[in-house]
Amino acid sequence: MYKIIKAQWYKTLRTPVSIILLVCPLLFSLLLLLYCKESTYAKGIELNVFFLLFTIVATFSLSFFIPMIYEPDREACSYANELRIGRSRSNLFIGRFILIIILLAIIEIFAVIIFIMGGNLFLDIDFNSIQLVNYFFIFYLTSFPMIIIYQFMTLRFNYVGSILLGSFISLSSILLGTTNLGELFWKWLPFVWGIKINSIYGNSISDVNIYFYLLLSLVFTAFLMIIFIFWYNRWSGQTQLEE
C-alpha cells in the first residue's frame, strides 16, 4: 500500500496538485483574515466563519482536485495499466483514497496554521483549542464519503462528471445546510453534514450529537468503499462516450 501511495504521489508532481497544496490554503486564509478584519459580522465567531467557508469551498474544490490526481493515469493509457490482470484494483482505489485524505489534511492544517498565526498577530483573536480540533474533524471526517463518490465520478466521467456533481452538491449543501429548508431531512443527506454540523456546533445547539454524525460518516465511508471497490473490480474501462 505504501508503494502505491508513493507512486501516485510522484505522478501528481506532473500536475498542479503540489501548487494547490501551498497556494490555495494560503490565499484562502489571507482572504479570510482580511474579511474578519473588515467585517463586524465575523467578530467573535471567526473560527466558525473560517471553517464554514472552508467547508463550502473545499466541497466544490474536491470535484476538480481529485480528477487532477487521476489525470496522469488517464492521459497515459486511459487506466489500461491498472485494469490489467495481476494488479489489485482494490489496493489502487484505497491507495488513492488514502493519498487524497493525506493531501486534504495537509491543505486544511496549512490553512488553519496561517489563519491562527494571522489572527494572533494582527486581529487579536482568541482561539479555543478544543473548538479548533472539533471544527477540524467536522470538515475532515464528513468529507470522506464525498471523496469516494468523486473518485467514482472521475473514473467514469473524468472532470466533467465530477465537477457537475460537485456544483450540484455544493449548491445543495449551502441551501440545505445554512438555511431552514433542510431541517426535516438534512440528517439523511451525508453531503450536507459538513456544513450543517459546522453551523450547529458554531451555534452551540445541544440537541444534536455531532460525534454521532462523525462516526456515522466513517461508517458510511466504509459502506461506499465496499460498494465502489466492488464496481471497480468489474469495470472494463472508459468507453469513448465516457471519455
C-alpha atoms as a PDB file:
ATOM      1  CA  MET A   1       0.000   0.000   0.000  1.00  0.00           C
ATOM      2  CA  TYR A   2       2.837   2.385   0.853  1.00  0.00           C
ATOM      3  CA  LYS A   3       4.375   1.839  -2.587  1.00  0.00           C
ATOM      4  CA  ILE A   4       1.056   2.570  -4.281  1.00  0.00           C
ATOM      5  CA  ILE A   5       0.579   5.800  -2.333  1.00  0.00           C
ATOM      6  CA  LYS A   6       4.173   6.837  -3.025  1.00  0.00           C
ATOM      7  CA  ALA A   7       3.847   6.082  -6.745  1.00  0.00           C
ATOM      8  CA  GLN A   8       0.591   8.019  -7.003  1.00  0.00           C
ATOM      9  CA  TRP A   9       2.160  10.975  -5.212  1.00  0.00           C
ATOM     10  CA  TYR A  10       5.092  11.073  -7.630  1.00  0.00           C
ATOM     11  CA  LYS A  11       2.621  11.095 -10.523  1.00  0.00           C
ATOM     12  CA  THR A  12       0.907  14.187  -9.102  1.00  0.00           C
ATOM     13  CA  LEU A  13       4.173  16.115  -9.358  1.00  0.00           C
ATOM     14  CA  ARG A  14       3.414  16.460 -13.066  1.00  0.00           C
ATOM     15  CA  THR A  15       0.106  18.153 -12.232  1.00  0.00           C
ATOM     16  CA  PRO A  16      -0.895  21.399 -10.429  1.00  0.00           C
ATOM     17  CA  VAL A  17      -1.567  19.412  -7.222  1.00  0.00           C
ATOM     18  CA  SER A  18       1.642  20.495  -5.484  1.00  0.00           C
ATOM     19  CA  ILE A  19       0.902  24.149  -6.290  1.00  0.00           C
ATOM     20  CA  ILE A  20      -2.618  23.813  -4.908  1.00  0.00           C
ATOM     21  CA  LEU A  21      -1.234  22.377  -1.665  1.00  0.00           C
ATOM     22  CA  LEU A  22       0.615  25.626  -0.985  1.00  0.00           C
ATOM     23  CA  VAL A  23      -1.122  28.434  -2.842  1.00  0.00           C
ATOM     24  CA  CYS A  24      -4.817  27.686  -2.240  1.00  0.00           C
ATOM     25  CA  PRO A  25      -4.780  27.393   1.583  1.00  0.00           C
ATOM     26  CA  LEU A  26      -2.504  30.440   1.800  1.00  0.00           C
ATOM     27  CA  LEU A  27      -4.804  32.595  -0.346  1.00  0.00           C
ATOM     28  CA  PHE A  28      -7.921  31.327   1.408  1.00  0.00           C
ATOM     29  CA  SER A  29      -6.590  32.096   4.890  1.00  0.00           C
ATOM     30  CA  LEU A  30      -5.290  35.528   3.916  1.00  0.00           C
ATOM     31  CA  LEU A  31      -8.626  36.467   2.354  1.00  0.00           C
ATOM     32  CA  LEU A  32     -10.473  35.252   5.460  1.00  0.00           C
ATOM     33  CA  LEU A  33      -8.176  37.272   7.698  1.00  0.00           C
ATOM     34  CA  LEU A  34      -8.915  40.350   5.607  1.00  0.00           C
ATOM     35  CA  TYR A  35     -12.637  39.625   5.788  1.00  0.00           C
ATOM     36  CA  CYS A  36     -12.541  39.138   9.572  1.00  0.00           C
ATOM     37  CA  LYS A  37     -10.659  42.408   9.949  1.00  0.00           C
ATOM     38  CA  GLU A  38     -13.174  44.404   7.930  1.00  0.00           C
ATOM     39  CA  SER A  39     -16.385  42.621   8.897  1.00  0.00           C
ATOM     40  CA  THR A  40     -18.373  43.207  12.065  1.00  0.00           C
ATOM     41  CA  TYR A  41     -20.420  40.058  11.392  1.00  0.00           C
ATOM     42  CA  ALA A  42     -17.431  37.759  11.978  1.00  0.00           C
ATOM     43  CA  LYS A  43     -16.441  39.392  15.267  1.00  0.00           C
ATOM     44  CA  GLY A  44     -16.256  36.736  17.975  1.00  0.00           C
ATOM     45  CA  ILE A  45     -17.121  33.848  15.640  1.00  0.00           C
ATOM     46  CA  GLU A  46     -14.031  33.933  13.433  1.00  0.00           C
ATOM     47  CA  LEU A  47     -13.314  30.220  13.826  1.00  0.00           C
ATOM     48  CA  ASN A  48     -16.850  29.246  12.889  1.00  0.00           C
ATOM     49  CA  VAL A  49     -16.791  31.521   9.831  1.00  0.00           C
ATOM     50  CA  PHE A  50     -13.402  30.174   8.773  1.00  0.00           C
ATOM     51  CA  PHE A  51     -14.413  26.508   8.854  1.00  0.00           C
ATOM     52  CA  LEU A  52     -17.869  27.119   7.412  1.00  0.00           C
ATOM     53  CA  LEU A  53     -16.424  28.875   4.360  1.00  0.00           C
ATOM     54  CA  PHE A  54     -13.565  26.378   4.164  1.00  0.00           C
ATOM     55  CA  THR A  55     -16.089  23.526   4.052  1.00  0.00           C
ATOM     56  CA  ILE A  56     -18.121  25.238   1.329  1.00  0.00           C
ATOM     57  CA  VAL A  57     -15.071  25.965  -0.822  1.00  0.00           C
ATOM     58  CA  ALA A  58     -13.494  22.542  -0.275  1.00  0.00           C
ATOM     59  CA  THR A  59     -16.712  20.673  -1.090  1.00  0.00           C
ATOM     60  CA  PHE A  60     -16.587  22.061  -4.611  1.00  0.00           C
ATOM     61  CA  SER A  61     -12.788  22.158  -4.945  1.00  0.00           C
ATOM     62  CA  LEU A  62     -12.519  18.418  -4.345  1.00  0.00           C
ATOM     63  CA  SER A  63     -14.531  17.879  -7.526  1.00  0.00           C
ATOM     64  CA  PHE A  64     -11.615  19.087  -9.662  1.00  0.00           C
ATOM     65  CA  PHE A  65      -8.767  18.319  -7.243  1.00  0.00           C
ATOM     66  CA  ILE A  66      -9.468  14.573  -7.314  1.00  0.00           C
ATOM     67  CA  PRO A  67      -9.537  14.348 -11.148  1.00  0.00           C
ATOM     68  CA  MET A  68      -6.104  16.019 -11.126  1.00  0.00           C
ATOM     69  CA  ILE A  69      -4.755  13.090  -9.129  1.00  0.00           C
ATOM     70  CA  TYR A  70      -6.203  10.631 -11.640  1.00  0.00           C
ATOM     71  CA  GLU A  71      -5.145  12.654 -14.687  1.00  0.00           C
ATOM     72  CA  PRO A  72      -1.633  11.165 -15.236  1.00  0.00           C
ATOM     73  CA  ASP A  73      -3.021   7.614 -15.490  1.00  0.00           C
ATOM     74  CA  ARG A  74      -5.924   8.678 -17.677  1.00  0.00           C
ATOM     75  CA  GLU A  75      -3.699  10.608 -20.077  1.00  0.00           C
ATOM     76  CA  ALA A  76      -1.063   7.876 -20.272  1.00  0.00           C
ATOM     77  CA  CYS A  77      -3.284   4.942 -21.157  1.00  0.00           C
ATOM     78  CA  SER A  78      -6.889   5.578 -20.085  1.00  0.00           C
ATOM     79  CA  TYR A  79      -6.292   3.485 -16.944  1.00  0.00           C
ATOM     80  CA  ALA A  80      -5.186   0.468 -19.002  1.00  0.00           C
ATOM     81  CA  ASN A  81      -2.230  -0.247 -16.700  1.00  0.00           C
ATOM     82  CA  GLU A  82      -4.315  -0.541 -13.568  1.00  0.00           C
ATOM     83  CA  LEU A  83      -7.027  -2.579 -15.284  1.00  0.00           C
ATOM     84  CA  ARG A  84      -4.672  -5.284 -16.475  1.00  0.00           C
ATOM     85  CA  ILE A  85      -4.722  -8.701 -14.853  1.00  0.00           C
ATOM     86  CA  GLY A  86      -2.353  -9.104 -11.920  1.00  0.00           C
ATOM     87  CA  ARG A  87      -2.835  -5.684 -10.314  1.00  0.00           C
ATOM     88  CA  SER A  88      -5.018  -5.267  -7.266  1.00  0.00           C
ATOM     89  CA  ARG A  89      -7.658  -2.726  -8.173  1.00  0.00           C
ATOM     90  CA  SER A  90      -8.873  -2.680  -4.582  1.00  0.00           C
ATOM     91  CA  ASN A  91      -5.459  -1.564  -3.355  1.00  0.00           C
ATOM     92  CA  LEU A  92      -5.272   1.089  -6.082  1.00  0.00           C
ATOM     93  CA  PHE A  93      -8.656   2.540  -5.166  1.00  0.00           C
ATOM     94  CA  ILE A  94      -7.872   2.532  -1.445  1.00  0.00           C
ATOM     95  CA  GLY A  95      -4.342   3.835  -2.052  1.00  0.00           C
ATOM     96  CA  ARG A  96      -5.634   6.843  -3.971  1.00  0.00           C
ATOM     97  CA  PHE A  97      -8.236   7.467  -1.280  1.00  0.00           C
ATOM     98  CA  ILE A  98      -5.546   7.468   1.412  1.00  0.00           C
ATOM     99  CA  LEU A  99      -3.371   9.817  -0.655  1.00  0.00           C
ATOM    100  CA  ILE A 100      -6.303  12.210  -1.124  1.00  0.00           C
ATOM    101  CA  ILE A 101      -7.172  12.348   2.582  1.00  0.00           C
ATOM    102  CA  ILE A 102      -3.497  12.902   3.434  1.00  0.00           C
ATOM    103  CA  LEU A 103      -3.291  15.795   0.971  1.00  0.00           C
ATOM    104  CA  LEU A 104      -6.594  17.149   2.258  1.00  0.00           C
ATOM    105  CA  ALA A 105      -5.254  17.072   5.817  1.00  0.00           C
ATOM    106  CA  ILE A 106      -2.134  18.960   4.699  1.00  0.00           C
ATOM    107  CA  ILE A 107      -4.245  21.634   2.996  1.00  0.00           C
ATOM    108  CA  GLU A 108      -6.534  22.043   5.997  1.00  0.00           C
ATOM    109  CA  ILE A 109      -3.677  22.111   8.526  1.00  0.00           C
ATOM    110  CA  PHE A 110      -1.739  24.657   6.469  1.00  0.00           C
ATOM    111  CA  ALA A 111      -4.812  26.876   6.097  1.00  0.00           C
ATOM    112  CA  VAL A 112      -5.550  26.673   9.836  1.00  0.00           C
ATOM    113  CA  ILE A 113      -1.953  27.494  10.808  1.00  0.00           C
ATOM    114  CA  ILE A 114      -1.903  30.577   8.565  1.00  0.00           C
ATOM    115  CA  PHE A 115      -5.273  31.727   9.903  1.00  0.00           C
ATOM    116  CA  ILE A 116      -4.286  31.228  13.552  1.00  0.00           C
ATOM    117  CA  MET A 117      -0.932  32.960  13.121  1.00  0.00           C
ATOM    118  CA  GLY A 118      -2.534  35.885  11.320  1.00  0.00           C
ATOM    119  CA  GLY A 119      -5.366  36.053  13.826  1.00  0.00           C
ATOM    120  CA  ASN A 120      -2.986  36.165  16.775  1.00  0.00           C
ATOM    121  CA  LEU A 121      -0.602  38.660  15.198  1.00  0.00           C
ATOM    122  CA  PHE A 122      -2.969  41.130  13.550  1.00  0.00           C
ATOM    123  CA  LEU A 123      -6.516  40.633  14.835  1.00  0.00           C
ATOM    124  CA  ASP A 124      -6.015  39.622  18.458  1.00  0.00           C
ATOM    125  CA  ILE A 125      -8.346  36.635  18.048  1.00  0.00           C
ATOM    126  CA  ASP A 126      -8.559  34.253  20.998  1.00  0.00           C
ATOM    127  CA  PHE A 127      -8.709  30.676  19.680  1.00  0.00           C
ATOM    128  CA  ASN A 128     -10.163  27.823  21.734  1.00  0.00           C
ATOM    129  CA  SER A 129      -8.080  24.690  21.138  1.00  0.00           C
ATOM    130  CA  ILE A 130     -10.967  22.270  21.788  1.00  0.00           C
ATOM    131  CA  GLN A 131     -13.206  24.126  19.353  1.00  0.00           C
ATOM    132  CA  LEU A 132     -10.389  24.184  16.829  1.00  0.00           C
ATOM    133  CA  VAL A 133      -9.946  20.402  16.965  1.00  0.00           C
ATOM    134  CA  ASN A 134     -13.697  19.788  16.747  1.00  0.00           C
ATOM    135  CA  TYR A 135     -14.113  22.108  13.763  1.00  0.00           C
ATOM    136  CA  PHE A 136     -11.138  20.471  12.066  1.00  0.00           C
ATOM    137  CA  PHE A 137     -12.571  16.970  12.298  1.00  0.00           C
ATOM    138  CA  ILE A 138     -16.129  18.036  11.467  1.00  0.00           C
ATOM    139  CA  PHE A 139     -14.994  19.000   7.985  1.00  0.00           C
ATOM    140  CA  TYR A 140     -12.286  16.365   7.619  1.00  0.00           C
ATOM    141  CA  LEU A 141     -14.351  13.290   8.503  1.00  0.00           C
ATOM    142  CA  THR A 142     -17.551  14.384   6.769  1.00  0.00           C
ATOM    143  CA  SER A 143     -15.591  14.885   3.542  1.00  0.00           C
ATOM    144  CA  PHE A 144     -14.611  11.190   3.314  1.00  0.00           C
ATOM    145  CA  PRO A 145     -17.843   9.919   1.692  1.00  0.00           C
ATOM    146  CA  MET A 146     -17.724  12.654  -0.938  1.00  0.00           C
ATOM    147  CA  ILE A 147     -14.118  11.810  -1.779  1.00  0.00           C
ATOM    148  CA  ILE A 148     -15.114   8.256  -2.665  1.00  0.00           C
ATOM    149  CA  ILE A 149     -18.042   9.465  -4.774  1.00  0.00           C
ATOM    150  CA  TYR A 150     -15.776  11.926  -6.602  1.00  0.00           C
ATOM    151  CA  GLN A 151     -13.325   9.069  -7.233  1.00  0.00           C
ATOM    152  CA  PHE A 152     -16.092   7.086  -8.876  1.00  0.00           C
ATOM    153  CA  MET A 153     -17.279  10.050 -10.957  1.00  0.00           C
ATOM    154  CA  THR A 154     -13.709  10.749 -12.062  1.00  0.00           C
ATOM    155  CA  LEU A 155     -13.182   7.183 -13.241  1.00  0.00           C
ATOM    156  CA  ARG A 156     -16.452   7.122 -15.144  1.00  0.00           C
ATOM    157  CA  PHE A 157     -16.772  10.672 -16.448  1.00  0.00           C
ATOM    158  CA  ASN A 158     -13.480  12.490 -15.793  1.00  0.00           C
ATOM    159  CA  TYR A 159     -13.515  16.205 -14.946  1.00  0.00           C
ATOM    160  CA  VAL A 160     -16.933  16.928 -16.427  1.00  0.00           C
ATOM    161  CA  GLY A 161     -18.847  14.398 -14.361  1.00  0.00           C
ATOM    162  CA  SER A 162     -17.013  15.183 -11.155  1.00  0.00           C
ATOM    163  CA  ILE A 163     -17.327  18.968 -11.484  1.00  0.00           C
ATOM    164  CA  LEU A 164     -21.011  18.817 -12.441  1.00  0.00           C
ATOM    165  CA  LEU A 165     -21.721  16.685  -9.396  1.00  0.00           C
ATOM    166  CA  GLY A 166     -19.555  18.962  -7.256  1.00  0.00           C
ATOM    167  CA  SER A 167     -21.500  22.008  -8.411  1.00  0.00           C
ATOM    168  CA  PHE A 168     -24.827  20.388  -7.582  1.00  0.00           C
ATOM    169  CA  ILE A 169     -23.647  19.131  -4.194  1.00  0.00           C
ATOM    170  CA  SER A 170     -22.061  22.453  -3.256  1.00  0.00           C
ATOM    171  CA  LEU A 171     -25.163  24.491  -4.078  1.00  0.00           C
ATOM    172  CA  SER A 172     -27.452  21.975  -2.382  1.00  0.00           C
ATOM    173  CA  SER A 173     -25.240  21.858   0.706  1.00  0.00           C
ATOM    174  CA  ILE A 174     -25.256  25.637   1.045  1.00  0.00           C
ATOM    175  CA  LEU A 175     -29.022  25.812   0.575  1.00  0.00           C
ATOM    176  CA  LEU A 176     -29.881  22.952   2.931  1.00  0.00           C
ATOM    177  CA  GLY A 177     -27.039  23.398   5.389  1.00  0.00           C
ATOM    178  CA  THR A 178     -27.224  27.113   6.113  1.00  0.00           C
ATOM    179  CA  THR A 179     -30.993  27.698   5.968  1.00  0.00           C
ATOM    180  CA  ASN A 180     -34.088  26.136   7.495  1.00  0.00           C
ATOM    181  CA  LEU A 181     -35.054  24.459   4.231  1.00  0.00           C
ATOM    182  CA  GLY A 182     -33.255  21.263   5.142  1.00  0.00           C
ATOM    183  CA  GLU A 183     -34.352  20.991   8.765  1.00  0.00           C
ATOM    184  CA  LEU A 184     -36.552  17.953   8.179  1.00  0.00           C
ATOM    185  CA  PHE A 185     -34.209  15.830   6.102  1.00  0.00           C
ATOM    186  CA  TRP A 186     -30.577  17.064   6.352  1.00  0.00           C
ATOM    187  CA  LYS A 187     -29.794  14.104   8.635  1.00  0.00           C
ATOM    188  CA  TRP A 188     -30.422  11.771   5.698  1.00  0.00           C
ATOM    189  CA  LEU A 189     -28.136  13.657   3.301  1.00  0.00           C
ATOM    190  CA  PRO A 190     -24.462  12.936   4.071  1.00  0.00           C
ATOM    191  CA  PHE A 191     -23.210  15.609   1.667  1.00  0.00           C
ATOM    192  CA  VAL A 192     -24.915  18.250   3.841  1.00  0.00           C
ATOM    193  CA  TRP A 193     -23.414  17.036   7.126  1.00  0.00           C
ATOM    194  CA  GLY A 194     -20.186  19.036   6.929  1.00  0.00           C
ATOM    195  CA  ILE A 195     -21.841  22.438   6.534  1.00  0.00           C
ATOM    196  CA  LYS A 196     -24.858  21.696   8.742  1.00  0.00           C
ATOM    197  CA  ILE A 197     -22.879  20.229  11.645  1.00  0.00           C
ATOM    198  CA  ASN A 198     -20.459  23.141  11.435  1.00  0.00           C
ATOM    199  CA  SER A 199     -23.386  25.540  11.798  1.00  0.00           C
ATOM    200  CA  ILE A 200     -24.891  23.504  14.623  1.00  0.00           C
ATOM    201  CA  TYR A 201     -21.612  23.392  16.522  1.00  0.00           C
ATOM    202  CA  GLY A 202     -20.995  27.094  15.967  1.00  0.00           C
ATOM    203  CA  ASN A 203     -24.454  27.947  17.297  1.00  0.00           C
ATOM    204  CA  SER A 204     -23.986  25.661  20.330  1.00  0.00           C
ATOM    205  CA  ILE A 205     -27.134  23.658  19.597  1.00  0.00           C
ATOM    206  CA  SER A 206     -27.005  20.904  22.208  1.00  0.00           C
ATOM    207  CA  ASP A 207     -29.783  18.594  20.983  1.00  0.00           C
ATOM    208  CA  VAL A 208     -27.630  17.282  18.115  1.00  0.00           C
ATOM    209  CA  ASN A 209     -24.724  14.952  18.900  1.00  0.00           C
ATOM    210  CA  ILE A 210     -22.052  15.952  16.395  1.00  0.00           C
ATOM    211  CA  TYR A 211     -19.831  12.999  17.339  1.00  0.00           C
ATOM    212  CA  PHE A 212     -22.590  10.598  16.326  1.00  0.00           C
ATOM    213  CA  TYR A 213     -22.594  12.059  12.820  1.00  0.00           C
ATOM    214  CA  LEU A 214     -18.812  11.970  12.608  1.00  0.00           C
ATOM    215  CA  LEU A 215     -18.917   8.271  13.497  1.00  0.00           C
ATOM    216  CA  LEU A 216     -21.783   7.744  11.063  1.00  0.00           C
ATOM    217  CA  SER A 217     -19.716   9.438   8.369  1.00  0.00           C
ATOM    218  CA  LEU A 218     -16.940   6.886   8.880  1.00  0.00           C
ATOM    219  CA  VAL A 219     -19.435   4.020   8.721  1.00  0.00           C
ATOM    220  CA  PHE A 220     -20.946   5.432   5.532  1.00  0.00           C
ATOM    221  CA  THR A 221     -17.440   5.849   4.104  1.00  0.00           C
ATOM    222  CA  ALA A 222     -16.712   2.165   4.720  1.00  0.00           C
ATOM    223  CA  PHE A 223     -20.019   1.228   3.077  1.00  0.00           C
ATOM    224  CA  LEU A 224     -19.278   3.338  -0.007  1.00  0.00           C
ATOM    225  CA  MET A 225     -15.752   1.964  -0.175  1.00  0.00           C
ATOM    226  CA  ILE A 226     -17.079  -1.597  -0.353  1.00  0.00           C
ATOM    227  CA  ILE A 227     -19.682  -0.690  -2.988  1.00  0.00           C
ATOM    228  CA  PHE A 228     -17.325   1.190  -5.297  1.00  0.00           C
ATOM    229  CA  ILE A 229     -14.447  -1.264  -4.938  1.00  0.00           C
ATOM    230  CA  PHE A 230     -16.898  -3.979  -5.956  1.00  0.00           C
ATOM    231  CA  TRP A 231     -17.780  -1.885  -9.027  1.00  0.00           C
ATOM    232  CA  TYR A 232     -14.149  -1.005  -9.767  1.00  0.00           C
ATOM    233  CA  ASN A 233     -13.062  -4.644  -9.746  1.00  0.00           C
ATOM    234  CA  ARG A 234     -15.590  -5.318 -12.503  1.00  0.00           C
ATOM    235  CA  TRP A 235     -15.093  -2.157 -14.503  1.00  0.00           C
ATOM    236  CA  SER A 236     -13.837  -2.705 -18.056  1.00  0.00           C
ATOM    237  CA  GLY A 237     -12.532   0.830 -18.573  1.00  0.00           C
ATOM    238  CA  GLN A 238     -13.834   4.020 -20.121  1.00  0.00           C
ATOM    239  CA  THR A 239     -15.847   3.896 -23.287  1.00  0.00           C
ATOM    240  CA  GLN A 240     -15.408   6.573 -25.919  1.00  0.00           C
ATOM    241  CA  LEU A 241     -18.623   8.257 -24.751  1.00  0.00           C
ATOM    242  CA  GLU A 242     -17.395   8.401 -21.131  1.00  0.00           C
ATOM    243  CA  GLU A 243     -14.111   9.930 -22.214  1.00  0.00           C
END
